C-alpha atoms as a PDB file:
ATOM      1  CA  MET A   1      -0.172   0.091   0.297  1.00  0.00           C
ATOM      2  CA  LYS A   2       1.176   3.555  -0.734  1.00  0.00           C
ATOM      3  CA  LEU A   3       1.020   6.446   1.326  1.00  0.00           C
ATOM      4  CA  ALA A   4       0.528  10.037   0.762  1.00  0.00           C
ATOM      5  CA  VAL A   5      -0.350  13.349   2.688  1.00  0.00           C
ATOM      6  CA  GLN A   6      -3.672  15.798   1.815  1.00  0.00           C
ATOM      7  CA  LEU A   7      -1.951  18.984   1.257  1.00  0.00           C
ATOM      8  CA  TYR A   8      -4.599  20.608   2.915  1.00  0.00           C
ATOM      9  CA  SER A   9      -2.851  18.813   6.338  1.00  0.00           C
ATOM     10  CA  LEU A  10      -0.030  21.782   5.376  1.00  0.00           C
ATOM     11  CA  ARG A  11      -2.272  24.579   4.723  1.00  0.00           C
ATOM     12  CA  VAL A  12      -0.782  27.027   7.427  1.00  0.00           C
ATOM     13  CA  PHE A  13       2.491  25.634   6.630  1.00  0.00           C
ATOM     14  CA  ALA A  14       2.113  26.254   2.342  1.00  0.00           C
ATOM     15  CA  GLU A  15       0.946  29.783   3.405  1.00  0.00           C
ATOM     16  CA  LYS A  16       3.999  30.794   5.284  1.00  0.00           C
ATOM     17  CA  ASN A  17       7.008  28.806   2.862  1.00  0.00           C
ATOM     18  CA  GLY A  18       5.269  28.022  -0.649  1.00  0.00           C
ATOM     19  CA  ALA A  19       4.461  25.504  -2.675  1.00  0.00           C
ATOM     20  CA  GLU A  20       8.113  23.878  -2.836  1.00  0.00           C
ATOM     21  CA  GLU A  21       8.675  23.773   0.281  1.00  0.00           C
ATOM     22  CA  THR A  22       5.473  21.828   1.253  1.00  0.00           C
ATOM     23  CA  LEU A  23       6.358  19.602  -1.496  1.00  0.00           C
ATOM     24  CA  LYS A  24       9.727  19.320  -0.334  1.00  0.00           C
ATOM     25  CA  LEU A  25       8.907  18.881   3.508  1.00  0.00           C
ATOM     26  CA  VAL A  26       6.688  15.711   2.386  1.00  0.00           C
ATOM     27  CA  SER A  27       9.030  14.548   0.053  1.00  0.00           C
ATOM     28  CA  GLU A  28      11.615  14.218   2.509  1.00  0.00           C
ATOM     29  CA  ALA A  29       9.488  12.959   5.116  1.00  0.00           C
ATOM     30  CA  GLY A  30       9.380   9.875   3.241  1.00  0.00           C
ATOM     31  CA  TYR A  31       5.691   9.887   1.324  1.00  0.00           C
ATOM     32  CA  ASP A  32       5.089   8.175  -1.910  1.00  0.00           C
ATOM     33  CA  GLY A  33       2.445  11.099  -3.325  1.00  0.00           C
ATOM     34  CA  VAL A  34       0.281  13.616  -2.535  1.00  0.00           C
ATOM     35  CA  GLU A  35      -3.184  14.534  -2.274  1.00  0.00           C
ATOM     36  CA  PHE A  36      -3.953  18.280  -3.975  1.00  0.00           C
ATOM     37  CA  ALA A  37      -6.556  20.525  -2.170  1.00  0.00           C
ATOM     38  CA  GLY A  38      -5.590  23.936  -5.143  1.00  0.00           C
ATOM     39  CA  PHE A  39      -2.655  24.079  -7.619  1.00  0.00           C
ATOM     40  CA  TYR A  40      -1.206  26.907  -5.237  1.00  0.00           C
ATOM     41  CA  GLY A  41      -1.154  29.390  -7.953  1.00  0.00           C
ATOM     42  CA  LYS A  42       0.931  27.270 -10.498  1.00  0.00           C
ATOM     43  CA  THR A  43       0.472  26.545 -13.584  1.00  0.00           C
ATOM     44  CA  PRO A  44       0.033  22.768 -14.496  1.00  0.00           C
ATOM     45  CA  ALA A  45       3.340  22.304 -15.907  1.00  0.00           C
ATOM     46  CA  GLU A  46       4.793  24.411 -12.831  1.00  0.00           C
ATOM     47  CA  MET A  47       3.203  21.914 -10.517  1.00  0.00           C
ATOM     48  CA  LYS A  48       3.862  18.627 -12.739  1.00  0.00           C
ATOM     49  CA  ALA A  49       7.464  20.206 -12.555  1.00  0.00           C
ATOM     50  CA  LEU A  50       7.930  20.243  -8.846  1.00  0.00           C
ATOM     51  CA  VAL A  51       6.452  17.137  -7.914  1.00  0.00           C
ATOM     52  CA  GLU A  52       7.909  15.351 -10.374  1.00  0.00           C
ATOM     53  CA  LYS A  53      11.646  17.646  -9.324  1.00  0.00           C
ATOM     54  CA  TYR A  54      10.746  15.883  -5.088  1.00  0.00           C
ATOM     55  CA  ASN A  55       9.311  12.604  -6.982  1.00  0.00           C
ATOM     56  CA  LEU A  56       5.694  12.441  -5.625  1.00  0.00           C
ATOM     57  CA  GLN A  57       3.178  10.958  -7.267  1.00  0.00           C
ATOM     58  CA  PRO A  58      -0.092  13.354  -7.929  1.00  0.00           C
ATOM     59  CA  VAL A  59      -2.132  10.681  -7.131  1.00  0.00           C
ATOM     60  CA  SER A  60      -5.176  12.548  -6.190  1.00  0.00           C
ATOM     61  CA  ALA A  61      -7.298  15.860  -5.617  1.00  0.00           C
ATOM     62  CA  HIS A  62      -9.602  17.696  -3.801  1.00  0.00           C
ATOM     63  CA  ILE A  63     -12.178  19.400  -5.706  1.00  0.00           C
ATOM     64  CA  GLY A  64     -15.802  20.518  -6.069  1.00  0.00           C
ATOM     65  CA  ALA A  65     -18.015  19.123  -8.303  1.00  0.00           C
ATOM     66  CA  ALA A  66     -18.800  22.660 -10.309  1.00  0.00           C
ATOM     67  CA  ALA A  67     -15.189  23.420 -10.758  1.00  0.00           C
ATOM     68  CA  ILE A  68     -14.059  19.914 -11.787  1.00  0.00           C
ATOM     69  CA  GLU A  69     -14.084  21.112 -15.366  1.00  0.00           C
ATOM     70  CA  GLU A  70     -11.830  23.882 -14.968  1.00  0.00           C
ATOM     71  CA  ASN A  71      -9.367  22.076 -13.481  1.00  0.00           C
ATOM     72  CA  LEU A  72      -8.852  19.220 -16.240  1.00  0.00           C
ATOM     73  CA  PRO A  73      -5.586  21.216 -17.837  1.00  0.00           C
ATOM     74  CA  TYR A  74      -4.031  19.952 -14.370  1.00  0.00           C
ATOM     75  CA  ILE A  75      -5.632  16.711 -13.732  1.00  0.00           C
ATOM     76  CA  ASP A  76      -4.451  16.042 -17.567  1.00  0.00           C
ATOM     77  CA  GLU A  77      -1.170  17.399 -16.819  1.00  0.00           C
ATOM     78  CA  LEU A  78      -0.167  15.446 -13.740  1.00  0.00           C
ATOM     79  CA  GLY A  79      -1.903  12.481 -14.599  1.00  0.00           C
ATOM     80  CA  ILE A  80      -4.185  12.100 -11.583  1.00  0.00           C
ATOM     81  CA  LYS A  81      -6.084   9.085 -11.114  1.00  0.00           C
ATOM     82  CA  TYR A  82      -8.793   9.983  -8.914  1.00  0.00           C
ATOM     83  CA  VAL A  83     -10.903  13.158  -7.803  1.00  0.00           C
ATOM     84  CA  PHE A  84     -12.513  13.135  -5.174  1.00  0.00           C
ATOM     85  CA  ILE A  85     -15.739  16.089  -4.027  1.00  0.00           C
ATOM     86  CA  PRO A  86     -14.201  17.371  -0.547  1.00  0.00           C
ATOM     87  CA  TRP A  87     -18.053  18.240   0.494  1.00  0.00           C
ATOM     88  CA  VAL A  88     -21.910  18.665   0.111  1.00  0.00           C
ATOM     89  CA  GLY A  89     -23.837  19.957   2.935  1.00  0.00           C
ATOM     90  CA  THR A  90     -26.934  18.823   4.328  1.00  0.00           C
ATOM     91  CA  ASP A  91     -28.251  21.505   2.833  1.00  0.00           C
ATOM     92  CA  VAL A  92     -28.436  19.838  -0.734  1.00  0.00           C
ATOM     93  CA  PHE A  93     -28.704  16.315   0.568  1.00  0.00           C
ATOM     94  CA  GLY A  94     -31.909  16.833   1.962  1.00  0.00           C
ATOM     95  CA  ASP A  95     -33.757  18.926  -1.051  1.00  0.00           C
ATOM     96  CA  GLU A  96     -34.642  17.205  -3.579  1.00  0.00           C
ATOM     97  CA  LYS A  97     -34.301  20.228  -6.201  1.00  0.00           C
ATOM     98  CA  ARG A  98     -30.540  20.401  -5.451  1.00  0.00           C
ATOM     99  CA  TYR A  99     -29.821  16.942  -4.946  1.00  0.00           C
ATOM    100  CA  ALA A 100     -31.146  16.771  -8.526  1.00  0.00           C
ATOM    101  CA  ASP A 101     -29.133  19.289  -9.427  1.00  0.00           C
ATOM    102  CA  LEU A 102     -25.823  18.218  -8.518  1.00  0.00           C
ATOM    103  CA  LEU A 103     -26.582  15.154  -9.498  1.00  0.00           C
ATOM    104  CA  GLN A 104     -26.716  16.285 -13.186  1.00  0.00           C
ATOM    105  CA  ILE A 105     -23.259  18.103 -12.662  1.00  0.00           C
ATOM    106  CA  THR A 106     -21.992  14.809 -11.037  1.00  0.00           C
ATOM    107  CA  ALA A 107     -22.908  13.041 -13.769  1.00  0.00           C
ATOM    108  CA  ARG A 108     -21.051  15.469 -16.463  1.00  0.00           C
ATOM    109  CA  VAL A 109     -18.327  15.590 -14.717  1.00  0.00           C
ATOM    110  CA  LYS A 110     -17.811  12.263 -14.677  1.00  0.00           C
ATOM    111  CA  SER A 111     -17.770  11.378 -18.123  1.00  0.00           C
ATOM    112  CA  LEU A 112     -14.931  13.786 -18.748  1.00  0.00           C
ATOM    113  CA  LEU A 113     -13.261  11.689 -16.277  1.00  0.00           C
ATOM    114  CA  ASP A 114     -14.540   8.781 -17.660  1.00  0.00           C
ATOM    115  CA  ALA A 115     -12.910   9.266 -20.219  1.00  0.00           C
ATOM    116  CA  ARG A 116      -9.744  10.347 -19.274  1.00  0.00           C
ATOM    117  CA  GLY A 117      -9.415   7.118 -16.836  1.00  0.00           C
ATOM    118  CA  VAL A 118     -10.082   8.779 -13.778  1.00  0.00           C
ATOM    119  CA  VAL A 119     -12.121   7.953 -11.065  1.00  0.00           C
ATOM    120  CA  LEU A 120     -14.664  10.292  -9.375  1.00  0.00           C
ATOM    121  CA  GLY A 121     -15.213  10.110  -6.108  1.00  0.00           C
ATOM    122  CA  TYR A 122     -16.673  11.660  -2.648  1.00  0.00           C
ATOM    123  CA  HIS A 123     -14.997  12.473   0.943  1.00  0.00           C
ATOM    124  CA  ASN A 124     -17.231  12.544   3.422  1.00  0.00           C
ATOM    125  CA  HIS A 125     -17.279  14.327   7.222  1.00  0.00           C
ATOM    126  CA  ALA A 126     -19.917  13.555   9.891  1.00  0.00           C
ATOM    127  CA  HIS A 127     -22.632  15.636   8.998  1.00  0.00           C
ATOM    128  CA  GLU A 128     -23.480  12.889   6.756  1.00  0.00           C
ATOM    129  CA  PHE A 129     -25.106  10.197   9.027  1.00  0.00           C
ATOM    130  CA  GLU A 130     -26.925  13.257  11.311  1.00  0.00           C
ATOM    131  CA  GLY A 131     -30.257  12.332  12.352  1.00  0.00           C
ATOM    132  CA  GLY A 132     -29.676   8.405  11.101  1.00  0.00           C
ATOM    133  CA  ASN A 133     -28.494   8.992   7.426  1.00  0.00           C
ATOM    134  CA  ASP A 134     -26.179   8.244   5.549  1.00  0.00           C
ATOM    135  CA  TYR A 135     -25.966  10.933   2.280  1.00  0.00           C
ATOM    136  CA  MET A 136     -22.361   9.227   2.340  1.00  0.00           C
ATOM    137  CA  LYS A 137     -23.692   5.808   0.523  1.00  0.00           C
ATOM    138  CA  LYS A 138     -26.948   7.228  -0.724  1.00  0.00           C
ATOM    139  CA  PHE A 139     -24.876  10.319  -3.130  1.00  0.00           C
ATOM    140  CA  VAL A 140     -21.981   7.111  -4.088  1.00  0.00           C
ATOM    141  CA  SER A 141     -24.880   4.638  -4.654  1.00  0.00           C
ATOM    142  CA  ASP A 142     -26.910   7.425  -7.018  1.00  0.00           C
ATOM    143  CA  ALA A 143     -24.018   8.858  -8.679  1.00  0.00           C
ATOM    144  CA  GLY A 144     -22.193   5.623  -9.051  1.00  0.00           C
ATOM    145  CA  ILE A 145     -19.122   6.896  -7.727  1.00  0.00           C
ATOM    146  CA  THR A 146     -16.811   5.656  -5.364  1.00  0.00           C
ATOM    147  CA  ALA A 147     -16.021   6.611  -1.745  1.00  0.00           C
ATOM    148  CA  GLU A 148     -13.220   8.359  -0.090  1.00  0.00           C
ATOM    149  CA  THR A 149     -13.448   7.465   3.790  1.00  0.00           C
ATOM    150  CA  ASP A 150     -12.121   9.737   6.463  1.00  0.00           C
ATOM    151  CA  VAL A 151     -11.482   7.347   9.393  1.00  0.00           C
ATOM    152  CA  PHE A 152     -11.768  10.393  11.482  1.00  0.00           C
ATOM    153  CA  TRP A 153     -14.912  11.774  10.469  1.00  0.00           C
ATOM    154  CA  LEU A 154     -16.491   8.030  10.343  1.00  0.00           C
ATOM    155  CA  HIS A 155     -15.626   7.929  14.355  1.00  0.00           C
ATOM    156  CA  VAL A 156     -16.909  11.232  14.658  1.00  0.00           C
ATOM    157  CA  GLY A 157     -20.523  10.686  13.149  1.00  0.00           C
ATOM    158  CA  GLY A 158     -20.454   7.374  15.335  1.00  0.00           C
ATOM    159  CA  LYS A 159     -19.749   4.981  12.626  1.00  0.00           C
ATOM    160  CA  ASP A 160     -16.907   1.900  13.333  1.00  0.00           C
ATOM    161  CA  PRO A 161     -14.857   3.188  10.932  1.00  0.00           C
ATOM    162  CA  VAL A 162     -13.225  -1.151   9.393  1.00  0.00           C
ATOM    163  CA  SER A 163     -17.442  -1.694   9.215  1.00  0.00           C
ATOM    164  CA  TYR A 164     -18.299   1.320   7.233  1.00  0.00           C
ATOM    165  CA  MET A 165     -15.425   0.756   4.988  1.00  0.00           C
ATOM    166  CA  LYS A 166     -16.232  -2.777   4.851  1.00  0.00           C
ATOM    167  CA  GLY A 167     -20.054  -2.158   3.790  1.00  0.00           C
ATOM    168  CA  MET A 168     -18.801   0.448   0.647  1.00  0.00           C
ATOM    169  CA  GLY A 169     -17.439  -3.249  -0.585  1.00  0.00           C
ATOM    170  CA  ASP A 170     -16.030  -2.047  -4.119  1.00  0.00           C
ATOM    171  CA  LYS A 171     -16.840   1.463  -4.010  1.00  0.00           C
ATOM    172  CA  LEU A 172     -14.531   2.449  -1.768  1.00  0.00           C
ATOM    173  CA  ALA A 173     -10.986   4.295  -3.855  1.00  0.00           C
ATOM    174  CA  ALA A 174      -9.243   5.341  -1.023  1.00  0.00           C
ATOM    175  CA  VAL A 175      -8.668   5.638   2.633  1.00  0.00           C
ATOM    176  CA  HIS A 176      -8.078   9.494   4.481  1.00  0.00           C
ATOM    177  CA  ILE A 177      -6.210   8.221   7.740  1.00  0.00           C
ATOM    178  CA  LYS A 178      -6.366  11.021  10.567  1.00  0.00           C
ATOM    179  CA  GLU A 179      -6.350   9.693  14.668  1.00  0.00           C
ATOM    180  CA  ALA A 180      -8.702  10.866  16.869  1.00  0.00           C
ATOM    181  CA  ALA A 181      -8.558  11.636  20.972  1.00  0.00           C
ATOM    182  CA  ALA A 182     -10.362  10.583  22.967  1.00  0.00           C
ATOM    183  CA  GLY A 183     -13.659  12.614  23.996  1.00  0.00           C
ATOM    184  CA  GLU A 184     -14.643  15.841  21.655  1.00  0.00           C
ATOM    185  CA  ALA A 185     -12.759  14.724  18.615  1.00  0.00           C
ATOM    186  CA  ALA A 186     -13.771  17.395  16.466  1.00  0.00           C
ATOM    187  CA  LYS A 187     -12.235  19.466  19.031  1.00  0.00           C
ATOM    188  CA  LEU A 188      -9.284  18.041  19.601  1.00  0.00           C
ATOM    189  CA  ALA A 189      -5.627  17.811  18.035  1.00  0.00           C
ATOM    190  CA  GLN A 190      -5.230  14.316  16.117  1.00  0.00           C
ATOM    191  CA  PRO A 191      -2.987  12.400  17.677  1.00  0.00           C
ATOM    192  CA  VAL A 192      -0.437  10.901  15.561  1.00  0.00           C
ATOM    193  CA  VAL A 193      -1.021   8.042  13.650  1.00  0.00           C
ATOM    194  CA  GLY A 194      -1.312   4.799  15.545  1.00  0.00           C
ATOM    195  CA  GLU A 195      -1.207   7.348  19.215  1.00  0.00           C
ATOM    196  CA  GLY A 196      -5.170   7.728  18.963  1.00  0.00           C
ATOM    197  CA  VAL A 197      -8.873   5.612  19.622  1.00  0.00           C
ATOM    198  CA  VAL A 198      -9.346   4.625  15.893  1.00  0.00           C
ATOM    199  CA  ASP A 199      -8.102   1.245  15.367  1.00  0.00           C
ATOM    200  CA  MET A 200      -5.653   1.769  12.658  1.00  0.00           C
ATOM    201  CA  PRO A 201      -4.700  -1.598  12.627  1.00  0.00           C
ATOM    202  CA  GLY A 202      -8.149  -2.947  11.986  1.00  0.00           C
ATOM    203  CA  VAL A 203      -8.027   0.280   9.289  1.00  0.00           C
ATOM    204  CA  PHE A 204      -5.151  -0.629   6.858  1.00  0.00           C
ATOM    205  CA  ALA A 205      -5.949  -4.604   7.325  1.00  0.00           C
ATOM    206  CA  GLN A 206      -9.759  -3.723   5.722  1.00  0.00           C
ATOM    207  CA  ALA A 207      -8.060  -1.760   3.406  1.00  0.00           C
ATOM    208  CA  LYS A 208      -5.636  -3.837   2.065  1.00  0.00           C
ATOM    209  CA  ALA A 209      -8.213  -6.575   1.856  1.00  0.00           C
ATOM    210  CA  GLN A 210     -10.714  -4.470  -0.080  1.00  0.00           C
ATOM    211  CA  GLY A 211      -7.891  -3.856  -2.723  1.00  0.00           C
ATOM    212  CA  VAL A 212      -7.136  -0.220  -1.373  1.00  0.00           C
ATOM    213  CA  GLU A 213      -4.036   1.304  -3.189  1.00  0.00           C
ATOM    214  CA  TRP A 214      -3.585   4.891  -1.385  1.00  0.00           C
ATOM    215  CA  ALA A 215      -4.050   5.529   1.913  1.00  0.00           C
ATOM    216  CA  ILE A 216      -3.924   9.426   2.859  1.00  0.00           C
ATOM    217  CA  LEU A 217      -2.746  10.764   5.586  1.00  0.00           C
ATOM    218  CA  GLU A 218      -4.943  14.421   6.591  1.00  0.00           C
ATOM    219  CA  VAL A 219      -4.400  16.150   9.964  1.00  0.00           C
ATOM    220  CA  GLU A 220      -5.876  18.888  11.024  1.00  0.00           C
ATOM    221  CA  GLN A 221      -5.195  20.131  13.994  1.00  0.00           C
ATOM    222  CA  TYR A 222      -1.832  19.642  14.841  1.00  0.00           C
ATOM    223  CA  PRO A 223      -0.269  17.977  18.375  1.00  0.00           C
ATOM    224  CA  CYS A 224       3.425  18.518  17.957  1.00  0.00           C
ATOM    225  CA  GLY A 225       5.360  20.569  14.868  1.00  0.00           C
ATOM    226  CA  GLU A 226       4.611  19.078  10.612  1.00  0.00           C
ATOM    227  CA  LYS A 227       7.756  17.541  10.939  1.00  0.00           C
ATOM    228  CA  GLU A 228       7.498  15.822  13.521  1.00  0.00           C
ATOM    229  CA  TYR A 229       3.920  14.754  12.978  1.00  0.00           C
ATOM    230  CA  LEU A 230       4.428  13.323   9.206  1.00  0.00           C
ATOM    231  CA  GLU A 231       7.180  11.836  10.460  1.00  0.00           C
ATOM    232  CA  LYS A 232       6.174   9.456  13.432  1.00  0.00           C
ATOM    233  CA  SER A 233       2.635   8.823  11.436  1.00  0.00           C
ATOM    234  CA  LEU A 234       4.386   7.369   8.630  1.00  0.00           C
ATOM    235  CA  GLN A 235       6.591   5.587  11.417  1.00  0.00           C
ATOM    236  CA  ASN A 236       3.399   3.711  11.976  1.00  0.00           C
ATOM    237  CA  MET A 237       1.535   3.754   8.802  1.00  0.00           C
ATOM    238  CA  ARG A 238       4.419   1.933   7.653  1.00  0.00           C
ATOM    239  CA  ARG A 239       3.823  -0.868  10.002  1.00  0.00           C
ATOM    240  CA  PHE A 240      -0.006  -1.377   9.697  1.00  0.00           C
ATOM    241  CA  ALA A 241       0.634  -1.353   5.517  1.00  0.00           C
ATOM    242  CA  LYS A 242       3.054  -4.597   5.803  1.00  0.00           C
END
């Protein structure tokens, strides 16, 4: 299994140090690839040169459904293999017309990605499960797309990450590895992967069992410096991924 970093994790670092230093940090920590959340104002060619310089695979990107078409030059130039819609609010999921519009947009961009051999999916948070709903599975099923399960947000949403991943079956395309602290996890810094309450050995075992190629680290609140966090988490992730 290959290991990547969702670059949203390094948004503060990137604001201070720029795109190149951010990619250098990920590379020197030992990761195989990156998942984009924006392209730092670089052209597709400029970004390709940077990921090649630091030997990082541009595996995926988080892009809103309505913005996918305008970002096709990046997807094409970088050879991105997965695009995940990062967020849809319950105001859309719960409104028949707005949801129908979302499905229409998703179908159009899916056809554009299908033609390129790029997989389209959806990334969950916790709100998809409020009120006994499961908008994650509904959207994935209705739109005919895949899932990138975020194990932290599954935990916060009251789901068992391993069981939920298993329930996605062949729709599971990638996994966001995000640790959770005990207590009110959504309000706390994420521990180093493997030092929190998520069953990370089980998550990795299940991902491997389902043929998932990429585990993608994400952290929103650090308990330590970025470099230390990336290196310690990678050490544990490599152990789980064996």
